[in-house]
Amino acid sequence: MEISRFDAGAAVLDLDDVSLRTVIHKTLQLRGWREPDEVITELPEADPRIRIDARRIDVVLANLISNALRHGAAPVVVRATATPGAVVIEVADHGPGIPDDALPHIFDRFHKADAARTRSEGSGLGLAIARENVRLHHGTLFAANLPEGGAVFTLTLPNRHLQEDPP
């Protein structure tokens, strides 16, 4: 259904000013992912407010983290930085990384990086949906392999309304 909404141009954002820390912690909490066993968060000391559709960004983060836990290795590191104009969230794992031949296609619909996974759970749509949700926010989502091993997904969201919560 969600892919059909994207294709029809009917997907819309329900923007709200929310705490960056709250968005990330809520994603972890809703899925029962524990710190520091499964996920390690590295968040800005100040808690910036960001203008996003929190439900859609939750879908993005949940997909990236669950993929990192399933296909990479724990602990998954969720690192966020904020500047006056953008928020960057990285999700990195400690697994083998993404095969070089799969990297250019990782966000394609129905793509599975491992041919042996054709019968595994999942439709191969998660990363395509994640990228579309990011595009709705006028952001970017990139995948790469880390030099020391593991994969990293970098989500960048523009934020003209970035503010810090008062201490």
N, C-alpha and C. Protein backbone atom coordinates (compact mmCIF):
# COMPACT_ATOMS: atom_id res chain seq x y z
N MET A 1 0.82 -1.19 0.00
CA MET A 1 0.00 0.00 0.00
C MET A 1 0.87 1.26 0.00
N GLU A 2 1.90 1.24 0.83
CA GLU A 2 2.75 2.42 0.95
C GLU A 2 3.45 2.73 -0.37
N ILE A 3 3.95 1.71 -1.04
CA ILE A 3 4.61 1.90 -2.34
C ILE A 3 3.62 2.50 -3.33
N SER A 4 2.38 2.04 -3.31
CA SER A 4 1.36 2.58 -4.21
C SER A 4 1.12 4.06 -3.94
N ARG A 5 1.13 4.44 -2.66
CA ARG A 5 0.96 5.86 -2.32
C ARG A 5 2.12 6.70 -2.86
N PHE A 6 3.33 6.17 -2.73
CA PHE A 6 4.49 6.89 -3.27
C PHE A 6 4.36 7.04 -4.78
N ASP A 7 4.02 5.95 -5.46
CA ASP A 7 3.90 5.96 -6.91
C ASP A 7 2.83 6.93 -7.39
N ALA A 8 1.74 7.03 -6.64
CA ALA A 8 0.62 7.89 -7.04
C ALA A 8 0.83 9.35 -6.59
N GLY A 9 1.92 9.61 -5.89
CA GLY A 9 2.15 10.96 -5.38
C GLY A 9 1.18 11.32 -4.27
N ALA A 10 0.60 10.31 -3.63
CA ALA A 10 -0.41 10.55 -2.59
C ALA A 10 0.17 10.48 -1.18
N ALA A 11 1.43 10.14 -1.03
CA ALA A 11 2.04 10.09 0.30
C ALA A 11 2.28 11.52 0.78
N VAL A 12 1.86 11.79 1.99
CA VAL A 12 2.00 13.14 2.55
C VAL A 12 2.72 13.07 3.89
N LEU A 13 3.28 14.20 4.26
CA LEU A 13 3.96 14.30 5.55
C LEU A 13 3.03 14.92 6.59
N ASP A 14 3.11 14.43 7.80
CA ASP A 14 2.42 15.01 8.94
C ASP A 14 3.52 15.56 9.84
N LEU A 15 3.97 16.77 9.53
CA LEU A 15 5.14 17.36 10.20
C LEU A 15 4.81 17.84 11.60
N ASP A 16 5.80 17.67 12.48
CA ASP A 16 5.69 18.15 13.85
C ASP A 16 7.10 18.45 14.34
N ASP A 17 7.21 19.36 15.30
CA ASP A 17 8.49 19.63 15.94
C ASP A 17 8.66 18.64 17.08
N VAL A 18 9.69 17.79 16.97
CA VAL A 18 9.90 16.74 17.96
C VAL A 18 11.36 16.72 18.39
N SER A 19 11.61 16.09 19.50
CA SER A 19 12.95 15.92 20.03
C SER A 19 13.67 14.82 19.26
N LEU A 20 14.87 15.09 18.79
CA LEU A 20 15.67 14.08 18.09
C LEU A 20 15.90 12.88 18.99
N ARG A 21 16.27 13.12 20.21
CA ARG A 21 16.53 12.03 21.18
C ARG A 21 15.28 11.17 21.37
N THR A 22 14.12 11.80 21.50
CA THR A 22 12.87 11.06 21.71
C THR A 22 12.55 10.19 20.51
N VAL A 23 12.71 10.71 19.30
CA VAL A 23 12.41 9.93 18.09
C VAL A 23 13.26 8.65 18.07
N ILE A 24 14.55 8.78 18.32
CA ILE A 24 15.45 7.62 18.27
C ILE A 24 15.14 6.65 19.39
N HIS A 25 14.99 7.14 20.61
CA HIS A 25 14.73 6.24 21.74
C HIS A 25 13.38 5.55 21.62
N LYS A 26 12.39 6.25 21.07
CA LYS A 26 11.07 5.64 20.90
C LYS A 26 11.14 4.48 19.90
N THR A 27 11.91 4.65 18.82
CA THR A 27 12.09 3.56 17.85
C THR A 27 12.68 2.34 18.52
N LEU A 28 13.69 2.53 19.36
CA LEU A 28 14.32 1.42 20.06
C LEU A 28 13.35 0.78 21.04
N GLN A 29 12.67 1.62 21.80
CA GLN A 29 11.75 1.13 22.84
C GLN A 29 10.59 0.33 22.23
N LEU A 30 9.99 0.84 21.17
CA LEU A 30 8.85 0.15 20.56
C LEU A 30 9.19 -1.25 20.07
N ARG A 31 10.45 -1.48 19.71
CA ARG A 31 10.85 -2.79 19.19
C ARG A 31 11.59 -3.63 20.22
N GLY A 32 11.78 -3.09 21.41
CA GLY A 32 12.44 -3.83 22.48
C GLY A 32 13.94 -3.98 22.29
N TRP A 33 14.55 -3.12 21.49
CA TRP A 33 16.00 -3.18 21.31
C TRP A 33 16.67 -2.54 22.51
N ARG A 34 17.65 -3.23 23.06
CA ARG A 34 18.29 -2.81 24.31
C ARG A 34 19.66 -2.19 24.07
N GLU A 35 19.94 -1.17 24.89
CA GLU A 35 21.28 -0.59 24.93
C GLU A 35 21.99 -1.23 26.10
N PRO A 36 23.25 -1.51 26.05
CA PRO A 36 24.19 -1.45 24.92
C PRO A 36 24.34 -2.79 24.22
N ASP A 37 23.52 -3.80 24.59
CA ASP A 37 23.68 -5.14 24.00
C ASP A 37 23.43 -5.16 22.50
N GLU A 38 22.29 -4.59 22.08
CA GLU A 38 21.92 -4.64 20.68
C GLU A 38 22.24 -3.34 19.95
N VAL A 39 22.02 -2.22 20.63
CA VAL A 39 22.18 -0.90 20.01
C VAL A 39 22.91 0.03 20.96
N ILE A 40 23.81 0.82 20.40
CA ILE A 40 24.49 1.88 21.14
C ILE A 40 24.10 3.19 20.49
N THR A 41 23.64 4.14 21.29
CA THR A 41 23.29 5.45 20.72
C THR A 41 24.37 6.47 21.09
N GLU A 42 24.70 7.29 20.12
CA GLU A 42 25.61 8.42 20.31
C GLU A 42 24.86 9.64 19.81
N LEU A 43 24.28 10.38 20.75
CA LEU A 43 23.40 11.50 20.41
C LEU A 43 24.00 12.81 20.89
N PRO A 44 23.60 13.93 20.27
CA PRO A 44 24.11 15.23 20.71
C PRO A 44 23.77 15.47 22.18
N GLU A 45 24.68 16.12 22.88
CA GLU A 45 24.43 16.44 24.29
C GLU A 45 23.17 17.28 24.44
N ALA A 46 23.08 18.31 23.63
CA ALA A 46 21.84 19.09 23.60
C ALA A 46 20.82 18.28 22.82
N ASP A 47 19.56 18.44 23.14
CA ASP A 47 18.53 17.68 22.46
C ASP A 47 17.81 18.57 21.46
N PRO A 48 18.29 18.58 20.19
CA PRO A 48 17.66 19.46 19.21
C PRO A 48 16.24 19.02 18.88
N ARG A 49 15.42 19.99 18.55
CA ARG A 49 14.07 19.73 18.05
C ARG A 49 14.18 19.74 16.53
N ILE A 50 13.50 18.79 15.91
CA ILE A 50 13.53 18.69 14.46
C ILE A 50 12.11 18.65 13.94
N ARG A 51 11.93 19.16 12.74
CA ARG A 51 10.60 19.20 12.12
C ARG A 51 10.51 18.06 11.11
N ILE A 52 9.81 16.99 11.51
CA ILE A 52 9.71 15.78 10.69
C ILE A 52 8.34 15.15 10.86
N ASP A 53 8.08 14.16 10.04
CA ASP A 53 6.95 13.26 10.25
C ASP A 53 7.54 12.10 11.06
N ALA A 54 7.30 12.13 12.36
CA ALA A 54 7.93 11.17 13.27
C ALA A 54 7.58 9.72 12.92
N ARG A 55 6.36 9.46 12.47
CA ARG A 55 5.97 8.10 12.11
C ARG A 55 6.81 7.60 10.93
N ARG A 56 6.99 8.44 9.93
CA ARG A 56 7.76 8.02 8.77
C ARG A 56 9.24 7.83 9.10
N ILE A 57 9.79 8.70 9.93
CA ILE A 57 11.20 8.55 10.31
C ILE A 57 11.38 7.33 11.21
N ASP A 58 10.39 7.02 12.03
CA ASP A 58 10.43 5.79 12.82
C ASP A 58 10.51 4.57 11.89
N VAL A 59 9.73 4.57 10.81
CA VAL A 59 9.75 3.47 9.85
C VAL A 59 11.15 3.34 9.24
N VAL A 60 11.76 4.46 8.90
CA VAL A 60 13.11 4.46 8.32
C VAL A 60 14.11 3.88 9.32
N LEU A 61 14.12 4.44 10.53
CA LEU A 61 15.10 3.98 11.53
C LEU A 61 14.88 2.52 11.89
N ALA A 62 13.64 2.10 12.04
CA ALA A 62 13.35 0.71 12.39
C ALA A 62 13.86 -0.23 11.30
N ASN A 63 13.68 0.14 10.05
CA ASN A 63 14.16 -0.69 8.96
C ASN A 63 15.68 -0.79 8.97
N LEU A 64 16.35 0.36 9.12
CA LEU A 64 17.81 0.36 9.09
C LEU A 64 18.39 -0.44 10.25
N ILE A 65 17.84 -0.25 11.44
CA ILE A 65 18.36 -0.94 12.62
C ILE A 65 18.05 -2.43 12.55
N SER A 66 16.83 -2.79 12.16
CA SER A 66 16.51 -4.22 12.10
C SER A 66 17.36 -4.93 11.04
N ASN A 67 17.59 -4.28 9.90
CA ASN A 67 18.48 -4.87 8.89
C ASN A 67 19.90 -5.03 9.43
N ALA A 68 20.37 -4.03 10.15
CA ALA A 68 21.72 -4.10 10.71
C ALA A 68 21.85 -5.24 11.71
N LEU A 69 20.82 -5.43 12.53
CA LEU A 69 20.84 -6.52 13.50
C LEU A 69 20.71 -7.88 12.82
N ARG A 70 19.89 -7.97 11.77
CA ARG A 70 19.64 -9.24 11.08
C ARG A 70 20.79 -9.64 10.16
N HIS A 71 21.33 -8.69 9.42
CA HIS A 71 22.31 -9.02 8.38
C HIS A 71 23.73 -8.60 8.74
N GLY A 72 23.87 -7.78 9.77
CA GLY A 72 25.18 -7.35 10.24
C GLY A 72 25.48 -8.05 11.55
N ALA A 73 25.98 -7.28 12.50
CA ALA A 73 26.27 -7.84 13.82
C ALA A 73 26.12 -6.73 14.85
N ALA A 74 25.63 -7.12 16.00
CA ALA A 74 25.47 -6.19 17.11
C ALA A 74 26.82 -5.95 17.77
N PRO A 75 26.97 -4.85 18.46
CA PRO A 75 25.96 -3.81 18.60
C PRO A 75 25.91 -2.89 17.38
N VAL A 76 24.71 -2.47 17.07
CA VAL A 76 24.49 -1.49 16.02
C VAL A 76 24.67 -0.11 16.64
N VAL A 77 25.41 0.76 15.98
CA VAL A 77 25.64 2.11 16.49
C VAL A 77 24.74 3.08 15.74
N VAL A 78 23.92 3.81 16.51
CA VAL A 78 23.07 4.86 15.95
C VAL A 78 23.68 6.18 16.43
N ARG A 79 24.25 6.92 15.49
CA ARG A 79 24.95 8.16 15.80
C ARG A 79 24.21 9.31 15.14
N ALA A 80 23.91 10.35 15.91
CA ALA A 80 23.21 11.51 15.35
C ALA A 80 24.01 12.77 15.62
N THR A 81 24.03 13.65 14.62
CA THR A 81 24.63 14.97 14.76
C THR A 81 23.64 15.99 14.21
N ALA A 82 23.73 17.19 14.73
CA ALA A 82 22.81 18.24 14.29
C ALA A 82 23.59 19.52 14.07
N THR A 83 23.26 20.19 12.98
CA THR A 83 23.79 21.51 12.68
C THR A 83 22.59 22.43 12.49
N PRO A 84 22.80 23.72 12.37
CA PRO A 84 21.65 24.61 12.19
C PRO A 84 20.77 24.27 10.98
N GLY A 85 21.29 23.61 9.98
CA GLY A 85 20.49 23.34 8.79
C GLY A 85 20.17 21.89 8.52
N ALA A 86 20.74 20.95 9.28
CA ALA A 86 20.53 19.54 8.96
C ALA A 86 20.74 18.65 10.17
N VAL A 87 20.12 17.49 10.08
CA VAL A 87 20.33 16.42 11.04
C VAL A 87 20.87 15.24 10.26
N VAL A 88 21.92 14.61 10.79
CA VAL A 88 22.50 13.43 10.16
C VAL A 88 22.42 12.29 11.17
N ILE A 89 21.85 11.18 10.72
CA ILE A 89 21.76 9.99 11.56
C ILE A 89 22.44 8.85 10.81
N GLU A 90 23.42 8.23 11.46
CA GLU A 90 24.12 7.08 10.88
C GLU A 90 23.73 5.83 11.65
N VAL A 91 23.50 4.75 10.92
CA VAL A 91 23.23 3.45 11.51
C VAL A 91 24.31 2.52 10.98
N ALA A 92 25.20 2.06 11.86
CA ALA A 92 26.33 1.24 11.45
C ALA A 92 26.31 -0.09 12.21
N ASP A 93 26.72 -1.15 11.51
CA ASP A 93 26.79 -2.46 12.17
C ASP A 93 28.22 -2.96 12.16
N HIS A 94 28.42 -4.11 12.77
CA HIS A 94 29.75 -4.72 12.86
C HIS A 94 29.81 -6.03 12.09
N GLY A 95 29.00 -6.14 11.04
CA GLY A 95 28.95 -7.37 10.25
C GLY A 95 29.91 -7.35 9.08
N PRO A 96 29.63 -8.17 8.08
CA PRO A 96 30.53 -8.30 6.93
C PRO A 96 30.40 -7.17 5.91
N GLY A 97 29.39 -6.32 6.05
CA GLY A 97 29.17 -5.27 5.06
C GLY A 97 28.27 -5.75 3.95
N ILE A 98 28.07 -4.88 2.99
CA ILE A 98 27.19 -5.16 1.85
C ILE A 98 28.08 -5.57 0.68
N PRO A 99 27.76 -6.68 0.01
CA PRO A 99 28.59 -7.07 -1.14
C PRO A 99 28.70 -5.92 -2.15
N ASP A 100 29.89 -5.73 -2.70
CA ASP A 100 30.14 -4.61 -3.62
C ASP A 100 29.18 -4.58 -4.80
N ASP A 101 28.82 -5.77 -5.32
CA ASP A 101 27.93 -5.80 -6.47
C ASP A 101 26.48 -5.46 -6.08
N ALA A 102 26.13 -5.58 -4.80
CA ALA A 102 24.77 -5.27 -4.34
C ALA A 102 24.62 -3.80 -3.94
N LEU A 103 25.71 -3.17 -3.58
CA LEU A 103 25.65 -1.79 -3.06
C LEU A 103 24.91 -0.82 -3.97
N PRO A 104 25.12 -0.82 -5.29
CA PRO A 104 24.40 0.14 -6.15
C PRO A 104 22.89 -0.13 -6.23
N HIS A 105 22.46 -1.32 -5.82
CA HIS A 105 21.05 -1.70 -5.97
C HIS A 105 20.33 -1.85 -4.64
N ILE A 106 20.98 -1.49 -3.56
CA ILE A 106 20.47 -1.78 -2.23
C ILE A 106 19.10 -1.14 -1.96
N PHE A 107 18.79 -0.03 -2.61
CA PHE A 107 17.50 0.64 -2.41
C PHE A 107 16.47 0.29 -3.48
N ASP A 108 16.82 -0.59 -4.41
CA ASP A 108 15.89 -1.01 -5.46
C ASP A 108 14.78 -1.86 -4.86
N ARG A 109 13.59 -1.71 -5.39
CA ARG A 109 12.47 -2.53 -4.94
C ARG A 109 12.75 -4.01 -5.21
N PHE A 110 12.42 -4.84 -4.25
CA PHE A 110 12.52 -6.29 -4.31
C PHE A 110 13.96 -6.80 -4.34
N HIS A 111 14.94 -5.92 -4.14
CA HIS A 111 16.34 -6.35 -4.16
C HIS A 111 16.70 -6.98 -2.82
N LYS A 112 17.37 -8.11 -2.89
CA LYS A 112 17.93 -8.75 -1.71
C LYS A 112 19.41 -8.95 -2.01
N ALA A 113 20.25 -8.46 -1.11
CA ALA A 113 21.68 -8.45 -1.36
C ALA A 113 22.27 -9.85 -1.52
N ASP A 114 21.66 -10.83 -0.87
CA ASP A 114 22.17 -12.19 -0.93
C ASP A 114 21.18 -13.05 -1.72
N ALA A 115 21.61 -13.60 -2.82
CA ALA A 115 20.73 -14.42 -3.66
C ALA A 115 20.15 -15.59 -2.87
N ALA A 116 20.84 -16.04 -1.84
CA ALA A 116 20.35 -17.14 -1.02
C ALA A 116 19.15 -16.72 -0.17
N ARG A 117 18.87 -15.42 -0.08
CA ARG A 117 17.78 -14.93 0.75
C ARG A 117 16.47 -14.82 0.00
N THR A 118 16.38 -15.32 -1.21
CA THR A 118 15.15 -15.14 -1.98
C THR A 118 13.94 -15.73 -1.29
N ARG A 119 14.12 -16.74 -0.46
CA ARG A 119 13.00 -17.34 0.26
C ARG A 119 12.96 -16.89 1.71
N SER A 120 13.79 -15.98 2.10
CA SER A 120 13.80 -15.53 3.49
C SER A 120 12.65 -14.56 3.73
N GLU A 121 12.40 -14.29 5.02
CA GLU A 121 11.34 -13.35 5.34
C GLU A 121 11.71 -11.97 4.81
N GLY A 122 10.71 -11.19 4.55
CA GLY A 122 10.94 -9.86 4.00
C GLY A 122 10.67 -9.84 2.51
N SER A 123 10.22 -8.69 2.06
CA SER A 123 9.81 -8.56 0.67
C SER A 123 10.88 -7.92 -0.22
N GLY A 124 11.92 -7.38 0.40
CA GLY A 124 12.88 -6.62 -0.38
C GLY A 124 12.39 -5.21 -0.67
N LEU A 125 11.38 -4.76 0.09
CA LEU A 125 10.84 -3.41 -0.10
C LEU A 125 11.23 -2.44 1.01
N GLY A 126 11.75 -2.94 2.10
CA GLY A 126 12.03 -2.10 3.27
C GLY A 126 12.92 -0.91 2.98
N LEU A 127 14.04 -1.13 2.30
CA LEU A 127 14.95 -0.02 2.02
C LEU A 127 14.39 0.91 0.95
N ALA A 128 13.61 0.38 0.02
CA ALA A 128 12.96 1.24 -0.98
C ALA A 128 11.95 2.16 -0.29
N ILE A 129 11.19 1.62 0.64
CA ILE A 129 10.22 2.43 1.39
C ILE A 129 10.95 3.45 2.25
N ALA A 130 12.04 3.03 2.89
CA ALA A 130 12.83 3.96 3.72
C ALA A 130 13.31 5.14 2.87
N ARG A 131 13.86 4.85 1.71
CA ARG A 131 14.37 5.94 0.86
C ARG A 131 13.24 6.88 0.42
N GLU A 132 12.09 6.34 0.09
CA GLU A 132 10.96 7.19 -0.31
C GLU A 132 10.50 8.07 0.85
N ASN A 133 10.48 7.53 2.05
CA ASN A 133 10.11 8.34 3.21
C ASN A 133 11.11 9.47 3.44
N VAL A 134 12.38 9.20 3.21
CA VAL A 134 13.41 10.24 3.34
C VAL A 134 13.25 11.28 2.25
N ARG A 135 12.97 10.85 1.03
CA ARG A 135 12.78 11.80 -0.09
C ARG A 135 11.60 12.73 0.18
N LEU A 136 10.54 12.21 0.79
CA LEU A 136 9.40 13.07 1.14
C LEU A 136 9.83 14.22 2.04
N HIS A 137 10.85 13.96 2.86
CA HIS A 137 11.40 14.99 3.76
C HIS A 137 12.45 15.86 3.06
N HIS A 138 12.68 15.63 1.78
CA HIS A 138 13.73 16.32 1.01
C HIS A 138 15.12 16.00 1.56
N GLY A 139 15.27 14.77 2.05
CA GLY A 139 16.54 14.33 2.60
C GLY A 139 17.19 13.31 1.69
N THR A 140 18.29 12.73 2.18
CA THR A 140 19.02 11.71 1.43
C THR A 140 19.28 10.51 2.33
N LEU A 141 19.43 9.36 1.71
CA LEU A 141 19.78 8.13 2.40
C LEU A 141 20.79 7.38 1.56
N PHE A 142 21.97 7.15 2.12
CA PHE A 142 23.05 6.48 1.40
C PHE A 142 23.52 5.26 2.18
N ALA A 143 24.03 4.28 1.46
CA ALA A 143 24.62 3.08 2.06
C ALA A 143 26.07 2.98 1.63
N ALA A 144 26.89 2.50 2.54
CA ALA A 144 28.32 2.31 2.25
C ALA A 144 28.85 1.23 3.17
N ASN A 145 30.07 0.79 2.87
CA ASN A 145 30.78 -0.13 3.74
C ASN A 145 31.85 0.65 4.48
N LEU A 146 32.02 0.31 5.74
CA LEU A 146 33.04 0.96 6.55
C LEU A 146 34.40 0.32 6.27
N PRO A 147 35.48 1.10 6.29
CA PRO A 147 36.80 0.53 6.02
C PRO A 147 37.17 -0.60 6.98
N GLU A 148 36.71 -0.49 8.24
CA GLU A 148 37.04 -1.51 9.24
C GLU A 148 36.06 -2.68 9.24
N GLY A 149 35.10 -2.66 8.32
CA GLY A 149 34.10 -3.71 8.22
C GLY A 149 32.74 -3.22 8.70
N GLY A 150 31.72 -3.83 8.20
CA GLY A 150 30.37 -3.43 8.55
C GLY A 150 29.80 -2.46 7.54
N ALA A 151 28.49 -2.31 7.59
CA ALA A 151 27.78 -1.39 6.71
C ALA A 151 27.36 -0.17 7.50
N VAL A 152 27.21 0.96 6.79
CA VAL A 152 26.70 2.17 7.42
C VAL A 152 25.70 2.81 6.47
N PHE A 153 24.56 3.19 7.04
CA PHE A 153 23.53 3.93 6.31
C PHE A 153 23.50 5.32 6.88
N THR A 154 23.54 6.32 6.01
CA THR A 154 23.57 7.72 6.44
C THR A 154 22.32 8.42 5.96
N LEU A 155 21.54 8.88 6.91
CA LEU A 155 20.29 9.60 6.68
C LEU A 155 20.54 11.07 6.97
N THR A 156 20.29 11.94 6.00
CA THR A 156 20.44 13.38 6.18
C THR A 156 19.10 14.04 5.92
N LEU A 157 18.66 14.82 6.90
CA LEU A 157 17.39 15.52 6.80
C LEU A 157 17.63 17.02 6.93
N PRO A 158 17.17 17.81 5.96
CA PRO A 158 17.29 19.25 6.12
C PRO A 158 16.35 19.69 7.24
N ASN A 159 16.75 20.72 7.97
CA ASN A 159 15.91 21.17 9.07
C ASN A 159 16.09 22.66 9.27
N ARG A 160 15.21 23.41 8.70
CA ARG A 160 15.27 24.87 8.84
C ARG A 160 14.76 25.33 10.20
N HIS A 161 14.10 24.43 10.92
CA HIS A 161 13.49 24.79 12.20
C HIS A 161 14.25 24.20 13.37
N LEU A 162 15.52 23.84 13.18
CA LEU A 162 16.32 23.21 14.22
C LEU A 162 16.51 24.16 15.39
N GLN A 163 16.16 23.68 16.57
CA GLN A 163 16.36 24.45 17.80
C GLN A 163 16.80 23.48 18.87
N GLU A 164 17.45 23.99 19.89
CA GLU A 164 17.80 23.16 21.03
C GLU A 164 16.79 23.37 22.13
N ASP A 165 16.48 22.28 22.85
CA ASP A 165 15.62 22.43 24.02
C ASP A 165 16.36 23.23 25.08
N PRO A 166 15.66 24.05 25.82
CA PRO A 166 16.33 24.77 26.90
C PRO A 166 16.84 23.79 27.95
N PRO A 167 17.95 24.12 28.60
CA PRO A 167 18.52 23.18 29.59
C PRO A 167 17.59 22.96 30.77
